[in-house]
Amino acid sequence: MKSVLGDRRAIFALLGPALLVYSLIVMVPIFWSLGYTFFTGSIVSGFTPNGFDNFVEFFTDPTAWSALAFTVKYAVVLTVGQVVIGYAFALMYHFYLKRASAIIRTLVFFPVVLPTVAVALLFQQFFQSAPTTGPVNGFLNSLGLSSVDWFGHADSAFWVIVAVDIWRSMGFYAVLLYAGIVDIPDDIVESSRIDGASGWKLLRHIILPLSLPVLLSSVIFSINGTLKVFDSVLALTNGGPGSGTTPLTLYMYQTSFTYGDYGYGSTIALMLTILCLLVTVFIFRAQRRDLTKA
């Protein structure tokens, strides 16, 4: 094995095909899309160079700013929900259910493998208000409350989208965080309990600091995934009512393939990429400052 890893030709022979495929499938489209940002038009109508006009349009486009605001709001709320609920399940798996947690982990994880469109259509029926009253409005009616048009208002539609995506993804974060908690040595936990640490003190001073690396990874996974939300919004609301639930990804899709402006659509995609990079760098720098202070 050492002789193979020390041979550059062997390394190139092993990694070369994978790197070639990766470059053709991932890297080439990225640079191609970057080039589109300096043009306007589409394959059908043809492309016309326009310099930095797409970037100027983005920063003066109220719809783009509305989509950006929705994207950031959605990402923050969903990241908090996914990580907090996932961490709560992980703690329950390890400290309360223990060996009996396997069946619960399976049930909670099951929505992760379901198709997003199927889940969205299911929740559409749950929150339906017309022409048929869904189970949620039926429950409200049984309490003497009036039905809510969940998809008729941007605020209520936003919370339905959040509920769908938390229910669909919390099992993944529960398993991911559970793996980090399981790696904490039992002797450290037992020693802390002998010293009088229990409940919140044990969580705050022992469990949370030792599981911080996997917790940070979960936050990064979640924030980058939620900033690029597309399928659940498209299936549930299609960005409506109006553009009240339109994220940057959906606005990019509509601009490129509905309105036929590949250049401006690529500019929106580039802005979203920069946003994801800035958020990731901010999280890493914040964690580094916390470790330095500690």
Protein backbone atom coordinates (compact mmCIF):
# COMPACT_ATOMS: atom_id res chain seq x y z
CA MET A 1 0.00 0.00 0.00
CA LYS A 2 2.82 2.43 0.88
CA SER A 3 4.54 1.72 -2.44
CA VAL A 4 1.31 2.48 -4.32
CA LEU A 5 0.64 5.71 -2.42
CA GLY A 6 4.22 6.79 -2.98
CA ASP A 7 4.00 6.31 -6.74
CA ARG A 8 2.72 9.46 -8.46
CA ARG A 9 1.73 7.59 -11.59
CA ALA A 10 -0.33 5.15 -9.54
CA ILE A 11 -2.03 8.04 -7.70
CA PHE A 12 -2.80 9.76 -11.00
CA ALA A 13 -4.16 6.51 -12.48
CA LEU A 14 -6.45 6.01 -9.48
CA LEU A 15 -7.63 9.59 -9.03
CA GLY A 16 -7.43 10.83 -12.60
CA PRO A 17 -10.72 9.38 -13.91
CA ALA A 18 -12.66 10.58 -10.86
CA LEU A 19 -11.15 14.07 -11.11
CA LEU A 20 -11.93 14.19 -14.82
CA VAL A 21 -15.57 13.23 -14.28
CA TYR A 22 -15.85 15.68 -11.37
CA SER A 23 -14.41 18.48 -13.50
CA LEU A 24 -16.72 17.79 -16.42
CA ILE A 25 -19.86 17.47 -14.31
CA VAL A 26 -19.24 20.08 -11.58
CA MET A 27 -16.40 22.50 -12.30
CA VAL A 28 -17.06 23.18 -16.01
CA PRO A 29 -20.74 24.15 -15.45
CA ILE A 30 -19.69 26.43 -12.58
CA PHE A 31 -17.29 28.43 -14.76
CA TRP A 32 -19.75 28.30 -17.67
CA SER A 33 -22.44 29.78 -15.43
CA LEU A 34 -19.99 32.41 -14.21
CA GLY A 35 -19.39 33.44 -17.81
CA TYR A 36 -23.14 33.84 -18.37
CA THR A 37 -23.25 36.62 -15.75
CA PHE A 38 -21.73 39.01 -18.30
CA PHE A 39 -24.40 38.29 -20.92
CA THR A 40 -28.13 38.62 -21.36
CA GLY A 41 -30.43 36.33 -23.32
CA SER A 42 -30.78 32.58 -23.78
CA ILE A 43 -29.89 29.78 -26.14
CA VAL A 44 -33.08 30.43 -28.13
CA SER A 45 -32.79 34.22 -28.43
CA GLY A 46 -29.02 34.38 -28.42
CA PHE A 47 -26.62 36.02 -26.00
CA THR A 48 -25.66 39.69 -25.92
CA PRO A 49 -22.75 41.00 -23.82
CA ASN A 50 -23.84 43.48 -21.17
CA GLY A 51 -20.84 43.83 -18.85
CA PHE A 52 -21.82 44.26 -15.21
CA ASP A 53 -25.45 45.23 -15.92
CA ASN A 54 -26.74 41.97 -14.39
CA PHE A 55 -25.05 42.78 -11.07
CA VAL A 56 -26.45 46.31 -11.11
CA GLU A 57 -29.90 44.90 -11.86
CA PHE A 58 -29.65 42.46 -8.96
CA PHE A 59 -28.87 45.17 -6.41
CA THR A 60 -31.71 47.36 -7.71
CA ASP A 61 -34.27 44.57 -8.16
CA PRO A 62 -36.94 44.63 -5.38
CA THR A 63 -38.00 41.06 -6.21
CA ALA A 64 -34.42 39.86 -5.72
CA TRP A 65 -34.21 41.59 -2.34
CA SER A 66 -37.56 40.09 -1.33
CA ALA A 67 -36.31 36.64 -2.35
CA LEU A 68 -33.07 37.21 -0.43
CA ALA A 69 -35.00 38.26 2.69
CA PHE A 70 -37.20 35.16 2.48
CA THR A 71 -34.16 32.93 1.93
CA VAL A 72 -32.27 34.28 4.95
CA LYS A 73 -35.36 34.19 7.18
CA TYR A 74 -36.15 30.64 6.13
CA ALA A 75 -32.53 29.51 6.58
CA VAL A 76 -32.24 30.95 10.10
CA VAL A 77 -35.59 29.61 11.34
CA LEU A 78 -35.16 26.17 9.79
CA THR A 79 -31.54 25.77 10.91
CA VAL A 80 -32.49 26.55 14.50
CA GLY A 81 -35.44 24.17 14.30
CA GLN A 82 -33.53 21.32 12.67
CA VAL A 83 -30.51 21.48 14.97
CA VAL A 84 -32.38 22.12 18.23
CA ILE A 85 -35.00 19.42 17.64
CA GLY A 86 -32.38 17.03 16.26
CA TYR A 87 -30.17 17.62 19.30
CA ALA A 88 -33.13 17.02 21.63
CA PHE A 89 -33.84 13.70 19.91
CA ALA A 90 -30.15 12.77 20.07
CA LEU A 91 -30.06 13.40 23.82
CA MET A 92 -33.23 11.36 24.25
CA TYR A 93 -31.75 8.48 22.22
CA HIS A 94 -28.57 8.36 24.29
CA PHE A 95 -29.64 9.17 27.84
CA TYR A 96 -33.23 7.96 28.04
CA LEU A 97 -34.02 5.36 25.39
CA LYS A 98 -30.47 3.96 25.17
CA ARG A 99 -30.55 0.48 23.59
CA ALA A 100 -34.29 0.75 22.97
CA SER A 101 -33.77 3.78 20.72
CA ALA A 102 -33.21 1.82 17.49
CA ILE A 103 -36.88 1.60 16.51
CA ILE A 104 -37.49 5.26 17.41
CA ARG A 105 -34.44 6.35 15.42
CA THR A 106 -35.76 4.42 12.42
CA LEU A 107 -39.22 5.97 12.65
CA VAL A 108 -37.89 9.51 13.09
CA PHE A 109 -35.39 9.04 10.25
CA PHE A 110 -37.98 7.56 7.87
CA PRO A 111 -39.24 10.92 6.47
CA VAL A 112 -35.68 11.69 5.29
CA VAL A 113 -35.91 9.00 2.59
CA LEU A 114 -39.36 10.06 1.37
CA PRO A 115 -39.57 12.07 -1.88
CA THR A 116 -39.87 15.77 -1.16
CA VAL A 117 -42.73 16.24 -3.61
CA ALA A 118 -44.71 13.41 -2.00
CA VAL A 119 -44.24 14.94 1.45
CA ALA A 120 -45.24 18.38 0.14
CA LEU A 121 -48.41 17.03 -1.46
CA LEU A 122 -49.25 15.21 1.77
CA PHE A 123 -48.93 18.41 3.80
CA GLN A 124 -50.95 20.29 1.20
CA GLN A 125 -53.84 17.98 1.99
CA PHE A 126 -53.27 18.40 5.74
CA PHE A 127 -53.50 22.20 5.56
CA GLN A 128 -56.11 22.41 2.82
CA SER A 129 -58.92 24.91 3.35
CA ALA A 130 -60.87 24.74 0.10
CA PRO A 131 -62.63 23.08 -1.58
CA THR A 132 -62.10 20.32 1.01
CA THR A 133 -61.23 21.04 4.63
CA GLY A 134 -57.97 19.37 5.63
CA PRO A 135 -57.27 17.69 8.99
CA VAL A 136 -55.62 20.82 10.45
CA ASN A 137 -58.57 23.09 9.69
CA GLY A 138 -60.92 20.28 10.70
CA PHE A 139 -59.24 20.23 14.12
CA LEU A 140 -59.54 24.01 14.39
CA ASN A 141 -63.22 23.79 13.51
CA SER A 142 -63.74 21.16 16.22
CA LEU A 143 -62.38 23.67 18.72
CA GLY A 144 -64.84 26.29 17.52
CA LEU A 145 -62.23 28.21 15.53
CA SER A 146 -62.58 29.29 11.91
CA SER A 147 -60.56 27.72 9.11
CA VAL A 148 -57.28 29.31 8.05
CA ASP A 149 -56.28 29.80 4.43
CA TRP A 150 -52.74 28.56 5.08
CA PHE A 151 -51.51 29.05 1.52
CA GLY A 152 -53.37 32.31 0.91
CA HIS A 153 -51.04 34.44 3.02
CA ALA A 154 -47.25 34.63 2.88
CA ASP A 155 -46.78 34.44 6.68
CA SER A 156 -48.89 31.31 7.20
CA ALA A 157 -47.45 29.67 4.06
CA PHE A 158 -43.95 30.33 5.39
CA TRP A 159 -44.66 28.42 8.61
CA VAL A 160 -46.20 25.52 6.69
CA ILE A 161 -43.02 25.26 4.61
CA VAL A 162 -40.92 25.35 7.78
CA ALA A 163 -43.05 22.65 9.42
CA VAL A 164 -42.75 20.41 6.36
CA ASP A 165 -38.98 20.71 6.11
CA ILE A 166 -38.38 20.28 9.85
CA TRP A 167 -40.52 17.15 9.93
CA ARG A 168 -38.77 15.82 6.83
CA SER A 169 -35.18 16.47 7.92
CA MET A 170 -35.02 16.36 11.73
CA GLY A 171 -34.31 12.62 11.68
CA PHE A 172 -31.09 13.18 9.74
CA TYR A 173 -29.80 15.75 12.23
CA ALA A 174 -30.90 13.59 15.14
CA VAL A 175 -28.76 10.69 13.87
CA LEU A 176 -25.84 12.98 13.00
CA LEU A 177 -25.81 14.60 16.45
CA TYR A 178 -26.43 11.26 18.16
CA ALA A 179 -23.20 9.98 16.60
CA GLY A 180 -21.33 12.90 18.15
CA ILE A 181 -22.86 12.36 21.58
CA VAL A 182 -22.13 8.62 21.52
CA ASP A 183 -18.43 9.40 20.98
CA ILE A 184 -18.24 11.19 24.33
CA PRO A 185 -16.36 8.86 26.72
CA ASP A 186 -18.62 7.34 29.35
CA ASP A 187 -16.00 7.78 32.07
CA ILE A 188 -16.07 11.57 31.63
CA VAL A 189 -19.85 11.62 31.98
CA GLU A 190 -19.79 9.32 35.01
CA SER A 191 -17.02 11.33 36.67
CA SER A 192 -19.03 14.50 36.19
CA ARG A 193 -22.08 12.89 37.74
CA ILE A 194 -20.04 11.76 40.73
CA ASP A 195 -18.84 15.36 41.12
CA GLY A 196 -22.47 16.50 41.27
CA ALA A 197 -23.12 17.54 37.68
CA SER A 198 -26.53 16.46 36.44
CA GLY A 199 -29.33 17.71 34.25
CA TRP A 200 -28.67 21.16 32.81
CA LYS A 201 -25.19 21.45 34.38
CA LEU A 202 -24.09 18.18 32.78
CA LEU A 203 -25.46 19.27 29.41
CA ARG A 204 -24.04 22.80 29.60
CA HIS A 205 -20.54 22.02 30.83
CA ILE A 206 -19.82 18.49 29.56
CA ILE A 207 -22.10 17.22 26.79
CA LEU A 208 -22.44 20.43 24.80
CA PRO A 209 -18.71 21.37 24.67
CA LEU A 210 -17.63 17.83 23.80
CA SER A 211 -20.23 17.51 21.04
CA LEU A 212 -19.49 20.99 19.66
CA PRO A 213 -17.58 19.79 16.54
CA VAL A 214 -20.46 17.68 15.25
CA LEU A 215 -22.90 20.39 16.31
CA LEU A 216 -20.97 22.91 14.24
CA SER A 217 -20.98 20.52 11.28
CA SER A 218 -24.75 20.17 11.62
CA VAL A 219 -25.22 23.93 11.60
CA ILE A 220 -23.09 24.27 8.45
CA PHE A 221 -24.93 21.40 6.72
CA SER A 222 -28.26 22.91 7.66
CA ILE A 223 -27.58 26.56 6.81
CA ASN A 224 -26.08 25.71 3.42
CA GLY A 225 -28.91 23.33 2.61
CA THR A 226 -31.66 25.72 3.68
CA LEU A 227 -30.17 28.66 1.79
CA LYS A 228 -30.57 26.53 -1.35
CA VAL A 229 -34.16 25.47 -0.66
CA PHE A 230 -36.09 24.79 -3.85
CA ASP A 231 -38.09 21.60 -4.18
CA SER A 232 -40.30 21.86 -1.10
CA VAL A 233 -41.24 25.48 -1.88
CA LEU A 234 -41.90 24.67 -5.53
CA ALA A 235 -44.16 21.73 -4.61
CA LEU A 236 -46.02 23.48 -1.78
CA THR A 237 -46.58 27.06 -2.90
CA ASN A 238 -44.64 27.61 -6.15
CA GLY A 239 -43.40 30.82 -4.55
CA GLY A 240 -46.88 32.18 -3.82
CA PRO A 241 -49.00 33.88 -2.89
CA GLY A 242 -47.51 36.35 -5.33
CA SER A 243 -43.79 36.17 -4.61
CA GLY A 244 -44.24 35.99 -0.83
CA THR A 245 -42.51 32.61 -0.48
CA THR A 246 -40.06 32.84 -3.37
CA PRO A 247 -36.46 32.01 -2.38
CA LEU A 248 -33.44 32.95 -4.48
CA THR A 249 -33.25 29.48 -6.00
CA LEU A 250 -36.81 29.61 -7.30
CA TYR A 251 -36.34 33.18 -8.54
CA MET A 252 -33.19 32.03 -10.33
CA TYR A 253 -35.13 29.15 -11.93
CA GLN A 254 -37.98 31.41 -13.03
CA THR A 255 -35.60 34.03 -14.43
CA SER A 256 -33.58 31.49 -16.39
CA PHE A 257 -36.18 29.05 -17.69
CA THR A 258 -39.49 30.94 -17.54
CA TYR A 259 -38.32 34.38 -18.63
CA GLY A 260 -35.37 33.09 -20.69
CA ASP A 261 -32.65 35.31 -19.20
CA TYR A 262 -29.77 32.95 -18.48
CA GLY A 263 -27.39 35.80 -17.67
CA TYR A 264 -29.45 37.30 -14.86
CA GLY A 265 -30.33 33.83 -13.59
CA SER A 266 -26.64 32.95 -13.39
CA THR A 267 -26.02 36.22 -11.54
CA ILE A 268 -28.63 35.25 -8.93
CA ALA A 269 -26.95 31.84 -8.60
CA LEU A 270 -23.57 33.52 -8.08
CA MET A 271 -24.99 35.79 -5.37
CA LEU A 272 -26.44 32.75 -3.61
CA THR A 273 -23.08 30.98 -3.79
CA ILE A 274 -21.32 34.00 -2.29
CA LEU A 275 -23.95 34.13 0.48
CA CYS A 276 -23.34 30.45 1.35
CA LEU A 277 -19.56 31.02 1.46
CA LEU A 278 -19.89 34.11 3.66
CA VAL A 279 -22.16 32.32 6.12
CA THR A 280 -19.79 29.33 6.35
CA VAL A 281 -16.76 31.57 6.90
CA PHE A 282 -18.65 33.54 9.55
CA ILE A 283 -19.56 30.35 11.44
CA PHE A 284 -15.96 29.10 11.38
CA ARG A 285 -14.56 32.45 12.51
CA ALA A 286 -17.12 32.70 15.30
CA GLN A 287 -16.22 29.23 16.54
CA ARG A 288 -12.50 30.06 16.37
CA ARG A 289 -13.03 33.18 18.49
CA ASP A 290 -14.99 31.14 21.04
CA LEU A 291 -12.19 28.57 21.26
CA THR A 292 -9.60 31.34 21.65
CA LYS A 293 -11.55 32.91 24.51
CA ALA A 294 -11.95 29.50 26.15
